[in-house]
Protein backbone atom coordinates (compact mmCIF):
# COMPACT_ATOMS: atom_id res chain seq x y z
CA MET A 1 -8.31 -17.13 -7.30
CA PRO A 2 -11.10 -14.85 -8.01
CA GLN A 3 -14.66 -15.45 -6.68
CA THR A 4 -16.83 -16.95 -9.15
CA ALA A 5 -19.95 -17.23 -7.27
CA ASP A 6 -22.77 -14.63 -8.24
CA ASP A 7 -22.72 -13.46 -4.77
CA MET A 8 -21.44 -10.60 -2.38
CA ASP A 9 -20.29 -12.78 0.46
CA ALA A 10 -17.38 -12.31 2.89
CA VAL A 11 -14.82 -14.18 0.40
CA ALA A 12 -15.93 -11.94 -2.60
CA VAL A 13 -15.41 -8.76 -0.20
CA ARG A 14 -11.83 -10.18 0.53
CA THR A 15 -11.41 -10.81 -3.03
CA TRP A 16 -12.61 -7.43 -4.05
CA CYS A 17 -10.19 -5.78 -1.59
CA SER A 18 -7.27 -7.73 -2.44
CA LEU A 19 -7.77 -7.11 -6.35
CA ALA A 20 -8.52 -3.48 -5.97
CA LEU A 21 -5.30 -3.00 -3.94
CA GLU A 22 -3.24 -4.89 -6.70
CA ALA A 23 -5.11 -2.67 -9.57
CA LEU A 24 -4.19 0.34 -7.77
CA GLY A 25 -0.84 -0.65 -7.14
CA GLN A 26 -0.24 -1.34 -11.01
CA GLU A 27 -2.06 2.20 -11.81
CA ARG A 28 -0.89 4.44 -8.82
CA GLU A 29 1.71 6.25 -11.01
CA ALA A 30 -1.06 6.78 -13.93
CA ILE A 31 -3.39 8.09 -11.81
CA ASP A 32 -0.88 10.26 -9.96
CA ALA A 33 0.04 11.63 -13.40
CA ILE A 34 -3.53 13.26 -14.08
CA ASN A 35 -4.35 14.85 -10.76
CA VAL A 36 -4.93 18.45 -11.56
CA TYR A 37 -7.79 18.86 -9.46
CA PRO A 38 -8.65 19.98 -6.57
CA VAL A 39 -4.93 20.34 -6.20
CA ALA A 40 -2.45 19.33 -8.90
CA ASP A 41 -0.14 17.61 -6.17
CA GLY A 42 0.33 14.59 -7.87
CA ASP A 43 -0.94 12.01 -5.16
CA THR A 44 -4.32 10.60 -5.84
CA GLY A 45 -3.27 7.46 -7.18
CA THR A 46 -1.00 7.14 -4.04
CA ASN A 47 -3.81 8.31 -1.93
CA LEU A 48 -6.43 5.68 -3.04
CA TYR A 49 -3.85 2.92 -2.81
CA LEU A 50 -3.12 3.81 0.82
CA THR A 51 -6.70 4.01 1.71
CA VAL A 52 -7.67 0.58 0.19
CA GLU A 53 -4.80 -1.09 1.61
CA SER A 54 -6.09 0.24 5.17
CA ALA A 55 -9.41 -1.64 4.03
CA THR A 56 -7.86 -4.76 2.99
CA GLN A 57 -5.94 -5.09 6.28
CA ALA A 58 -9.26 -4.71 8.27
CA VAL A 59 -10.54 -7.30 6.24
CA GLU A 60 -7.45 -9.84 6.32
CA ALA A 61 -7.76 -9.30 10.30
CA VAL A 62 -11.36 -10.53 10.27
CA PHE A 63 -10.37 -13.58 8.66
CA ALA A 64 -7.13 -14.01 10.53
CA ALA A 65 -9.50 -14.00 13.72
CA HIS A 66 -11.58 -16.56 12.28
CA GLU A 67 -9.10 -19.05 11.25
CA THR A 68 -8.51 -20.73 14.82
CA GLY A 69 -12.56 -21.45 14.80
CA THR A 70 -15.14 -23.49 13.43
CA THR A 71 -17.00 -20.73 11.31
CA ALA A 72 -15.99 -18.47 8.76
CA PRO A 73 -16.66 -14.73 8.44
CA VAL A 74 -19.90 -13.55 7.43
CA ALA A 75 -20.34 -10.87 4.91
CA ALA A 76 -21.57 -8.30 7.31
CA ASP A 77 -18.45 -8.64 9.19
CA ALA A 78 -16.14 -8.29 6.22
CA VAL A 79 -18.07 -5.10 4.77
CA ARG A 80 -18.08 -3.59 8.03
CA ALA A 81 -14.18 -4.02 8.46
CA MET A 82 -13.53 -2.69 5.00
CA ALA A 83 -15.46 0.45 5.72
CA HIS A 84 -13.87 0.83 8.83
CA GLY A 85 -10.18 0.25 7.59
CA ALA A 86 -10.82 2.80 4.71
CA LEU A 87 -12.48 5.18 7.33
CA ILE A 88 -9.38 5.24 9.43
CA GLY A 89 -6.68 4.85 6.85
CA ALA A 90 -8.04 7.39 4.29
CA ARG A 91 -5.85 9.82 2.51
CA GLY A 92 -6.33 12.82 0.69
CA ASN A 93 -9.77 14.46 -1.01
CA SER A 94 -10.37 11.19 -3.26
CA GLY A 95 -9.29 8.65 -0.44
CA THR A 96 -11.71 10.16 1.92
CA ILE A 97 -14.08 10.14 -0.77
CA LEU A 98 -13.58 6.61 -1.44
CA ALA A 99 -13.90 5.49 2.24
CA GLN A 100 -17.38 7.02 2.56
CA LEU A 101 -18.33 5.56 -0.97
CA LEU A 102 -17.29 2.06 0.83
CA ARG A 103 -19.14 3.08 4.08
CA GLY A 104 -22.32 3.63 2.19
CA MET A 105 -22.20 0.32 0.46
CA ALA A 106 -21.39 -1.34 3.75
CA GLY A 107 -24.43 -0.16 5.27
CA VAL A 108 -26.57 -2.01 2.67
CA LEU A 109 -24.54 -4.93 2.16
CA ALA A 110 -24.37 -5.89 5.90
CA ASP A 111 -28.17 -6.74 5.44
CA GLY A 112 -27.64 -8.69 2.47
CA HIS A 113 -25.41 -9.64 -0.53
CA ASP A 114 -27.56 -10.29 -3.27
CA ALA A 115 -27.74 -8.29 -6.60
CA ASP A 116 -30.48 -6.06 -5.37
CA HIS A 117 -28.62 -5.28 -2.22
CA LEU A 118 -25.90 -4.30 -4.59
CA ARG A 119 -27.90 -2.14 -6.50
CA ARG A 120 -29.25 -0.51 -3.51
CA ALA A 121 -25.48 -0.09 -1.93
CA LEU A 122 -24.16 1.58 -4.96
CA THR A 123 -26.79 3.81 -4.93
CA ARG A 124 -26.45 4.68 -0.97
CA ALA A 125 -22.61 5.03 -1.72
CA ALA A 126 -23.04 7.60 -3.89
CA ALA A 127 -25.55 9.89 -2.01
CA ALA A 128 -23.51 9.45 1.05
CA ALA A 129 -20.51 10.73 -0.81
CA ARG A 130 -22.16 13.87 -2.27
CA GLN A 131 -23.47 14.40 1.26
CA ALA A 132 -20.08 14.17 2.76
CA VAL A 133 -18.68 16.89 0.48
CA ALA A 134 -19.17 20.49 1.29
CA HIS A 135 -19.71 21.79 -2.23
CA PRO A 136 -19.85 18.97 -4.71
CA VAL A 137 -18.48 19.45 -8.02
CA GLU A 138 -19.56 17.82 -11.30
CA GLY A 139 -16.91 15.95 -13.62
CA THR A 140 -15.27 14.72 -10.24
CA VAL A 141 -15.30 11.12 -8.61
CA LEU A 142 -18.75 12.02 -7.36
CA THR A 143 -19.94 12.09 -11.13
CA VAL A 144 -18.62 8.75 -11.59
CA ALA A 145 -19.99 7.39 -8.49
CA THR A 146 -23.56 8.41 -9.41
CA ALA A 147 -23.28 7.26 -12.86
CA ALA A 148 -22.09 3.87 -11.60
CA ALA A 149 -25.18 3.74 -9.04
CA GLU A 150 -27.54 4.68 -12.11
CA ALA A 151 -26.23 2.18 -14.46
CA ALA A 152 -26.66 -0.57 -11.80
CA GLY A 153 -30.34 0.69 -10.97
CA ARG A 154 -30.91 0.04 -14.89
CA THR A 155 -30.41 -3.75 -14.80
CA ALA A 156 -32.98 -6.11 -14.87
CA ASP A 157 -34.84 -7.54 -11.98
CA ASP A 158 -33.61 -10.78 -12.51
CA ALA A 159 -30.04 -9.88 -13.36
CA GLY A 160 -27.15 -11.20 -11.21
CA THR A 161 -24.56 -9.62 -8.91
CA ALA A 162 -22.17 -9.93 -11.61
CA ALA A 163 -24.40 -8.19 -14.07
CA VAL A 164 -25.01 -5.29 -11.72
CA ALA A 165 -21.32 -4.98 -10.78
CA ARG A 166 -20.51 -4.88 -14.62
CA ALA A 167 -23.32 -2.50 -15.39
CA ALA A 168 -21.87 -0.17 -12.43
CA TYR A 169 -18.53 -0.42 -14.02
CA GLU A 170 -19.29 0.39 -17.41
CA GLY A 171 -21.48 3.29 -16.46
CA ALA A 172 -18.56 4.57 -14.45
CA ARG A 173 -16.02 4.22 -17.29
CA THR A 174 -18.57 5.98 -19.37
CA ALA A 175 -18.92 8.83 -16.98
CA LEU A 176 -15.17 9.19 -16.50
CA GLU A 177 -14.65 9.62 -20.29
CA ALA A 178 -17.03 12.80 -20.17
CA THR A 179 -15.32 14.43 -17.16
CA PRO A 180 -12.77 16.57 -18.99
CA GLY A 181 -16.06 18.12 -20.59
CA GLN A 182 -17.46 19.08 -17.42
CA LEU A 183 -14.64 20.46 -15.55
CA ALA A 184 -12.53 22.97 -17.22
CA VAL A 185 -9.44 22.41 -15.39
CA LEU A 186 -9.64 18.89 -16.91
CA GLY A 187 -10.31 20.00 -20.33
CA ARG A 188 -7.56 22.36 -20.33
CA ALA A 189 -4.93 19.67 -19.11
CA GLY A 190 -6.63 17.07 -21.72
CA VAL A 191 -7.20 14.44 -18.84
CA VAL A 192 -10.03 12.85 -16.95
CA ASP A 193 -10.36 13.22 -13.42
CA ALA A 194 -7.91 11.13 -11.32
CA GLY A 195 -10.26 10.20 -8.60
CA GLY A 196 -12.84 8.82 -11.05
CA ARG A 197 -10.51 6.94 -12.69
CA GLY A 198 -9.46 5.30 -9.37
CA LEU A 199 -13.10 4.65 -8.47
CA VAL A 200 -13.29 2.76 -12.00
CA THR A 201 -10.04 0.86 -11.28
CA VAL A 202 -11.82 -0.33 -7.94
CA LEU A 203 -15.07 -1.09 -9.65
CA GLY A 204 -13.07 -3.30 -12.02
CA ALA A 205 -11.70 -5.09 -9.32
CA LEU A 206 -15.46 -5.85 -8.18
CA VAL A 207 -16.60 -7.18 -11.55
CA GLU A 208 -13.72 -9.61 -11.24
CA ALA A 209 -14.20 -10.42 -7.67
CA VAL A 210 -17.90 -11.57 -8.33
CA SER A 211 -17.45 -12.81 -11.85
CA GLY A 212 -14.00 -14.35 -12.01
CA ARG A 213 -13.26 -12.20 -15.09
CA ALA A 214 -11.45 -9.03 -15.04
CA PRO A 215 -13.08 -6.28 -17.43
CA GLU A 216 -11.37 -4.48 -20.14
CA ARG A 217 -9.43 -1.46 -18.66
CA THR A 218 -8.93 1.13 -21.34
CA TYR A 219 -9.04 4.64 -20.21
CA VAL A 220 -8.77 7.98 -22.09
CA ALA A 221 -5.12 8.76 -23.09
CA VAL A 222 -3.07 11.09 -21.28
CA PRO A 223 -1.23 13.73 -23.59
CA ALA A 224 2.79 13.53 -23.09
CA THR A 225 2.81 17.22 -22.22
CA VAL A 226 0.51 16.92 -18.89
CA VAL A 227 2.92 16.66 -16.02
CA PRO A 228 0.95 18.31 -13.11
CA ALA A 229 3.51 19.73 -10.77
CA PRO A 230 2.90 20.21 -7.02
CA GLN A 231 0.79 23.38 -6.60
CA ASP A 232 2.41 26.58 -5.45
CA CYS A 233 0.71 27.96 -2.86
CA ALA A 234 1.38 31.66 -3.84
CA GLU A 235 -0.35 30.76 -7.40
CA GLY A 236 -3.68 30.76 -5.48
CA GLY A 237 -5.40 28.12 -3.03
CA PRO A 238 -5.04 27.18 0.55
CA ALA A 239 -1.38 26.40 1.65
CA PHE A 240 -2.26 23.42 3.65
CA GLU A 241 -4.16 20.10 3.61
CA VAL A 242 -5.43 19.18 7.14
CA ILE A 243 -6.56 15.49 7.69
CA TYR A 244 -7.32 13.89 11.34
CA LEU A 245 -9.48 11.07 12.67
CA LEU A 246 -12.04 12.59 15.02
CA GLU A 247 -14.14 11.28 17.94
CA ALA A 248 -17.33 13.17 18.24
CA THR A 249 -21.17 13.55 18.44
CA ASP A 250 -23.13 14.07 15.15
CA LYS A 251 -24.04 17.72 16.52
CA ALA A 252 -20.75 18.53 17.28
CA VAL A 253 -19.63 17.45 13.41
CA ASP A 254 -22.36 19.69 11.91
CA ARG A 255 -21.09 22.39 13.71
CA LEU A 256 -17.55 21.59 12.64
CA ARG A 257 -18.53 21.46 9.19
CA THR A 258 -19.94 24.99 9.43
CA ARG A 259 -16.52 26.12 11.09
CA LEU A 260 -14.20 24.35 8.54
CA ASP A 261 -16.17 25.35 5.28
CA GLY A 262 -15.45 29.00 6.43
CA LEU A 263 -11.76 28.32 6.94
CA GLY A 264 -11.09 26.71 3.51
CA ASP A 265 -12.12 24.51 0.66
CA SER A 266 -12.18 20.92 -0.33
CA LEU A 267 -14.00 19.79 2.94
CA VAL A 268 -14.66 16.38 3.44
CA VAL A 269 -16.00 14.97 6.67
CA VAL A 270 -16.94 11.03 6.38
CA GLY A 271 -17.83 8.64 8.93
CA GLY A 272 -20.50 8.36 11.67
CA ASP A 273 -21.17 6.49 14.79
CA GLY A 274 -18.92 8.66 16.87
CA LEU A 275 -15.92 8.38 14.53
CA TRP A 276 -15.22 10.59 11.56
CA ASN A 277 -12.52 11.58 9.05
CA VAL A 278 -11.93 15.13 8.31
CA HIS A 279 -10.05 16.76 5.15
CA VAL A 280 -9.82 20.15 4.41
CA HIS A 281 -7.52 22.70 2.59
CA VAL A 282 -6.85 25.97 4.50
CA ASP A 283 -4.20 28.46 4.85
CA ASP A 284 -4.40 28.45 8.81
CA ALA A 285 -3.61 24.89 9.65
CA GLY A 286 -3.84 25.81 13.44
CA ALA A 287 -7.14 26.86 13.32
CA ALA A 288 -8.48 23.62 11.37
CA VAL A 289 -6.85 21.40 14.27
CA GLU A 290 -8.50 23.89 17.06
CA ALA A 291 -11.60 23.43 15.26
CA GLY A 292 -11.56 19.75 15.81
CA VAL A 293 -10.59 20.19 19.49
CA GLU A 294 -13.56 21.78 19.76
CA ALA A 295 -15.79 19.29 18.25
CA GLY A 296 -14.38 16.32 19.98
CA ARG A 297 -10.89 14.44 20.11
CA PRO A 298 -9.08 14.75 16.82
CA TYR A 299 -5.73 12.28 16.55
CA ARG A 300 -3.75 11.16 13.65
CA ILE A 301 -3.35 14.47 12.70
CA ARG A 302 -1.67 15.24 8.97
CA ILE A 303 -0.60 18.44 8.16
CA THR A 304 0.97 18.96 4.51
CA HIS A 305 2.24 22.05 2.94
CA PHE A 306 1.39 22.22 -0.84
CA GLY A 307 4.43 22.83 -2.86
CA ALA A 308 6.83 23.37 0.15
CA ASP A 309 9.57 20.91 1.53
CA ARG A 310 8.22 19.25 4.30
CA VAL A 311 10.77 19.32 7.18
CA HIS A 312 10.67 18.35 10.89
CA PRO A 313 10.00 21.98 12.59
CA HIS A 314 12.10 21.80 15.70
CA THR A 315 15.26 20.28 14.31
CA GLU A 316 17.64 20.26 11.52
CA PRO A 317 17.36 17.30 9.22
CA VAL A 318 20.34 15.35 8.24
CA GLN A 319 21.20 15.39 4.35
CA ARG A 320 20.66 11.46 3.89
CA ALA A 321 19.32 8.40 5.59
CA VAL A 322 18.66 4.77 4.65
CA VAL A 323 15.22 3.12 5.54
CA VAL A 324 15.46 -0.87 5.52
CA VAL A 325 12.73 -3.56 6.47
CA VAL A 326 14.22 -6.40 8.21
CA PRO A 327 13.00 -9.75 9.10
CA GLY A 328 14.69 -10.15 12.41
CA ASP A 329 15.46 -8.29 15.36
CA GLY A 330 19.06 -9.40 15.04
CA LEU A 331 19.24 -7.60 11.50
CA SER A 332 17.60 -4.91 12.99
CA GLY A 333 20.22 -4.38 15.53
CA LEU A 334 23.05 -4.75 12.72
CA CYS A 335 21.23 -2.58 10.38
CA LYS A 336 20.72 0.45 13.14
CA GLU A 337 24.66 -0.05 13.79
CA ALA A 338 25.11 1.03 10.22
CA GLY A 339 23.23 4.11 10.57
CA ALA A 340 19.78 2.83 9.22
CA THR A 341 16.44 3.50 10.19
CA THR A 342 14.56 0.14 10.56
CA VAL A 343 11.21 -1.17 10.11
CA LEU A 344 10.55 -5.21 11.50
CA ALA A 345 8.66 -7.44 9.06
CA ARG A 346 6.85 -9.88 11.26
CA PRO A 347 5.91 -13.29 9.95
CA GLY A 348 2.62 -13.17 7.85
CA GLU A 349 2.40 -9.56 8.60
CA PRO A 350 4.25 -7.48 6.10
CA PRO A 351 4.73 -3.80 6.90
CA ALA A 352 1.91 -1.30 5.60
CA SER A 353 3.09 1.64 3.39
CA GLY A 354 2.18 3.81 6.36
CA GLU A 355 4.57 2.27 8.94
CA LEU A 356 7.29 2.68 5.91
CA VAL A 357 6.27 6.66 5.67
CA ASP A 358 6.50 6.78 9.65
CA ALA A 359 9.99 5.12 9.23
CA ILE A 360 10.93 7.65 6.62
CA ARG A 361 9.62 10.63 8.99
CA ARG A 362 11.80 9.22 11.53
CA ALA A 363 14.92 8.96 9.66
CA HIS A 364 14.54 12.84 9.34
CA ALA A 365 16.33 13.45 6.45
CA ARG A 366 16.27 15.37 3.05
CA GLU A 367 17.31 12.23 1.11
CA VAL A 368 16.39 8.82 1.86
CA VAL A 369 17.04 5.40 0.18
CA LEU A 370 14.41 2.97 0.98
CA LEU A 371 15.40 -0.83 0.96
CA PRO A 372 12.08 -3.01 1.38
CA ASN A 373 13.90 -6.37 1.20
CA ASP A 374 10.60 -8.16 -0.13
CA ALA A 375 9.33 -8.45 -3.64
CA GLU A 376 5.97 -8.54 -2.38
CA LEU A 377 6.60 -5.07 -0.89
CA ARG A 378 7.14 -3.38 -4.16
CA HIS A 379 3.67 -1.82 -4.51
CA THR A 380 3.92 -0.87 -0.73
CA ALA A 381 7.27 0.43 -0.66
CA ALA A 382 6.29 2.47 -3.91
CA ALA A 383 3.34 4.01 -2.42
CA ALA A 384 5.32 5.22 0.95
CA ALA A 385 7.99 6.67 -1.47
CA GLU A 386 5.43 8.80 -3.43
CA GLN A 387 3.89 10.01 -0.23
CA ALA A 388 7.15 11.16 1.36
CA ARG A 389 7.92 12.80 -1.69
CA ALA A 390 4.87 14.63 -1.36
CA GLU A 391 6.15 15.75 1.83
CA GLY A 392 9.41 17.00 0.43
CA VAL A 393 11.51 14.32 0.89
CA ARG A 394 13.85 13.11 -2.01
CA VAL A 395 13.40 9.31 -1.79
CA ALA A 396 15.06 6.63 -4.13
CA LEU A 397 13.50 3.18 -3.64
CA ILE A 398 15.93 0.32 -4.45
CA PRO A 399 13.94 -2.61 -5.07
CA THR A 400 15.65 -5.23 -3.20
CA ARG A 401 14.04 -8.72 -2.85
CA ALA A 402 15.66 -10.06 0.15
CA ALA A 403 17.44 -9.18 3.32
CA VAL A 404 20.74 -9.91 2.13
CA GLN A 405 20.20 -8.02 -0.76
CA GLY A 406 19.70 -5.08 1.52
CA ILE A 407 22.90 -5.86 3.69
CA ALA A 408 24.95 -5.90 0.42
CA ALA A 409 23.30 -2.11 -0.38
CA LEU A 410 23.88 -0.95 3.03
CA ALA A 411 27.49 -2.12 3.21
CA VAL A 412 28.68 0.24 0.15
CA HIS A 413 26.47 3.30 1.42
CA GLU A 414 28.34 6.48 1.59
CA PRO A 415 26.51 9.29 2.55
CA ASP A 416 29.56 11.94 1.68
CA ARG A 417 29.14 11.30 -2.14
CA SER A 418 26.30 12.37 -4.17
CA PHE A 419 22.81 11.08 -3.91
CA ASP A 420 22.54 9.58 -7.36
CA GLU A 421 26.08 7.93 -7.30
CA ASP A 422 25.14 6.51 -3.95
CA VAL A 423 21.78 4.96 -4.96
CA VAL A 424 23.42 3.66 -8.51
CA ALA A 425 26.29 1.81 -6.02
CA MET A 426 24.02 0.42 -3.81
CA THR A 427 21.65 -0.56 -6.67
CA ALA A 428 24.49 -2.43 -8.17
CA ALA A 429 25.61 -4.13 -5.04
CA ALA A 430 22.07 -5.38 -4.36
CA GLY A 431 21.77 -6.47 -8.05
CA SER A 432 24.78 -8.49 -7.80
CA THR A 433 23.65 -10.54 -4.65
CA ARG A 434 21.89 -13.77 -5.13
CA TYR A 435 19.57 -14.79 -2.36
CA ALA A 436 18.63 -17.85 -0.78
CA GLU A 437 16.75 -18.98 2.18
CA LEU A 438 15.69 -22.13 4.08
CA ALA A 439 11.94 -22.95 5.06
CA VAL A 440 10.10 -25.79 6.71
CA ALA A 441 7.46 -27.01 4.45
CA GLU A 442 4.12 -26.88 6.41
CA ARG A 443 2.33 -29.37 4.05
CA GLN A 444 2.49 -31.53 1.11
CA SER A 445 2.48 -29.59 -2.09
CA TRP A 446 4.17 -29.38 -5.59
CA THR A 447 7.21 -27.32 -6.07
CA MET A 448 9.82 -26.45 -8.82
CA ALA A 449 12.11 -29.09 -7.42
CA GLY A 450 9.17 -32.07 -7.00
CA ILE A 451 6.55 -32.78 -4.27
CA CYS A 452 7.52 -32.02 -0.83
CA GLN A 453 6.10 -33.42 2.49
CA ALA A 454 5.15 -31.46 5.78
CA GLY A 455 8.53 -30.96 7.76
CA ASP A 456 10.74 -31.39 4.54
CA ILE A 457 13.58 -28.50 4.45
CA LEU A 458 12.97 -26.48 1.46
CA GLY A 459 15.93 -24.49 -0.11
CA LEU A 460 14.63 -21.40 -2.07
CA ILE A 461 17.03 -19.76 -4.50
CA ASP A 462 15.84 -16.43 -5.90
CA GLY A 463 12.36 -17.08 -4.61
CA ASP A 464 12.03 -20.54 -6.23
CA VAL A 465 12.31 -23.95 -4.56
CA ALA A 466 15.22 -25.32 -5.75
CA VAL A 467 16.28 -28.52 -3.22
CA ILE A 468 14.17 -30.35 -0.85
CA GLY A 469 15.95 -31.93 1.82
CA GLU A 470 15.58 -33.89 5.16
CA ASP A 471 17.66 -31.68 7.45
CA VAL A 472 19.18 -27.95 7.42
CA PRO A 473 22.98 -28.75 7.36
CA GLU A 474 22.46 -30.80 4.06
CA THR A 475 19.94 -28.56 2.57
CA ALA A 476 22.22 -25.55 3.06
CA ARG A 477 25.28 -27.28 1.80
CA ASN A 478 23.22 -28.28 -1.61
CA VAL A 479 22.02 -24.63 -1.83
CA LEU A 480 25.17 -23.12 -1.59
CA ASP A 481 26.80 -25.46 -4.12
CA ARG A 482 23.89 -24.58 -6.54
CA MET A 483 24.53 -21.08 -5.85
CA LEU A 484 28.62 -21.17 -6.18
CA ALA A 485 28.49 -23.24 -9.19
CA ALA A 486 27.80 -19.56 -11.17
CA GLY A 487 30.65 -17.97 -9.05
CA GLY A 488 31.06 -15.78 -6.38
CA GLU A 489 33.53 -13.72 -4.11
CA LEU A 490 31.85 -13.36 -0.57
CA VAL A 491 28.94 -15.65 0.96
CA THR A 492 26.72 -14.02 3.49
CA LEU A 493 25.29 -16.43 6.11
CA VAL A 494 22.24 -14.95 8.28
CA LEU A 495 21.00 -17.36 11.09
CA GLY A 496 17.70 -17.67 12.60
CA GLU A 497 17.35 -17.54 16.46
CA ASP A 498 17.13 -21.34 16.90
CA VAL A 499 19.83 -22.65 14.54
CA PRO A 500 23.12 -23.30 16.38
CA ASP A 501 26.30 -21.54 15.97
CA THR A 502 27.85 -25.08 14.65
CA LEU A 503 25.80 -24.75 11.39
CA ALA A 504 27.60 -21.61 10.33
CA ASP A 505 31.07 -23.43 11.39
CA GLU A 506 29.92 -26.31 9.01
CA LEU A 507 28.92 -24.11 6.39
CA GLN A 508 32.11 -21.88 6.46
CA GLU A 509 34.01 -25.10 6.43
CA HIS A 510 32.15 -26.44 3.41
CA VAL A 511 32.89 -22.73 1.41
CA ARG A 512 36.61 -22.88 2.40
CA GLU A 513 36.94 -26.35 0.97
CA GLY A 514 35.23 -26.11 -2.07
CA TYR A 515 35.98 -22.74 -3.22
CA LEU A 516 39.04 -21.24 -2.87
CA ALA A 517 39.12 -17.17 -2.48
CA VAL A 518 35.36 -17.02 -1.31
CA ASP A 519 35.11 -15.16 2.14
CA THR A 520 32.03 -16.15 4.48
CA VAL A 521 30.64 -13.78 6.90
CA VAL A 522 28.02 -14.82 9.53
CA TYR A 523 25.38 -12.83 11.25
CA ARG A 524 22.48 -13.51 13.67
CA GLY A 525 18.89 -12.83 12.45
CA GLY A 526 17.24 -13.20 15.83
CA LEU A 527 13.76 -13.76 16.45
CA GLN A 528 11.41 -13.98 13.45
CA CYS A 529 13.95 -14.66 11.06
CA ALA A 530 14.20 -17.73 8.57
CA PRO A 531 16.28 -20.79 10.11
CA LEU A 532 18.89 -19.36 7.48
CA LEU A 533 19.28 -16.98 4.75
CA ILE A 534 22.12 -16.82 2.22
CA GLY A 535 23.63 -14.17 -0.03
CA VAL A 536 26.14 -14.78 -2.85
CA GLU A 537 28.09 -11.59 -4.29
């Protein structure tokens, strides 16, 4: 539930990050679609999502560290984690600027979290972002950030935190609507600034976090004719985007700024206290990295060629690969045997989009089918797919919601047929597979099947609790009966590490006796897998 206390405490910061990530996930494609400045590469929404995702994970880590203790995180811990997470995970021009905005806010909110501190935090953030950009341009996210700070500063002295946040949001939204008249490229395209729209989305999440009510979200319409395409470096502008984290002193970074400013444009250097995030567009990517080496220790170096297929330089990529998220090491081995690249999902720690992007790169293919196998990974997987597409990889995301759906899709994968035909066949196989799992109730709670007690065995069908039982075999049989009542030809059973083989034998016999012509296959999920996963095709 959104925070309702009129205060920017640690819980509010956590809620803000969560709501911002959710909102950017919903609006990512729309923001990408209006990305025409500084480079029309259609990834601003994705980059902002990835940046906030990193900030959110850092804040969640702070709360997780306090779960076993007797004290809750304080606001200073949360805002510093938010800023640090955004800094190390910042992507693209707008994501790097957003990281500096959050860092500027954290520098003030760490000392206090009332309305006055929020006003000053927004002012500090806008100033810090402008200082980080080598050549500030009006009509961009910088203009929107300044307008938000100014509107917050005009609120009454006795205004609460929610009122200050709402004023900042409204000021930013008004400034956003004016951006097409400030920047010629936006006016010609008939769109608002993409980075500015992303900041308005983040500020809208802030309003909801401190007030409990989401603000109205309306934006200037995007003409149907505007479809920004990746910039062809032959048409002008630097050929490469270079991003890296850098450990260096303030004095060394001052020299680095001068050096990089002479090499290219869109230079943004954010951070401090020895850690920096460097972003620049250049023609000579090697020189930009060498400048970082001279300044300190660069790492997490990312080089993207605008408008060109990005493949690994030393080996010829394969034509097609499958990347699949799996909940256990047993399934990981199974999928690897089938030729897939796997990402292990740990309990309570779903993979970040960066991990999925890395897996797509490891697959080393021109075409990739991505199987997230979890409904909660929808936005994360979509962001990863978009990032990979920006790097020249053709990616199809099949929205599988469970591991058994991924297994069904992988079973019909045929890399020799056309990409579209393969994706259609895999999607159909996944879509025709109903899924279930058994879990142990951690506490007493209400479910769709009634009240469960701690220790009860829950049978979830298509994500909802359908059966409550006292032991695994009985609950599994009841779940199978419910699923097979609607028909089926193949049952897939995936056993967790501690589940005996005798359970598989019992369930196979149950299917043979009650359902003629229904086959059963059994796999071991291994460590981290649920006690039992069930698929019915």
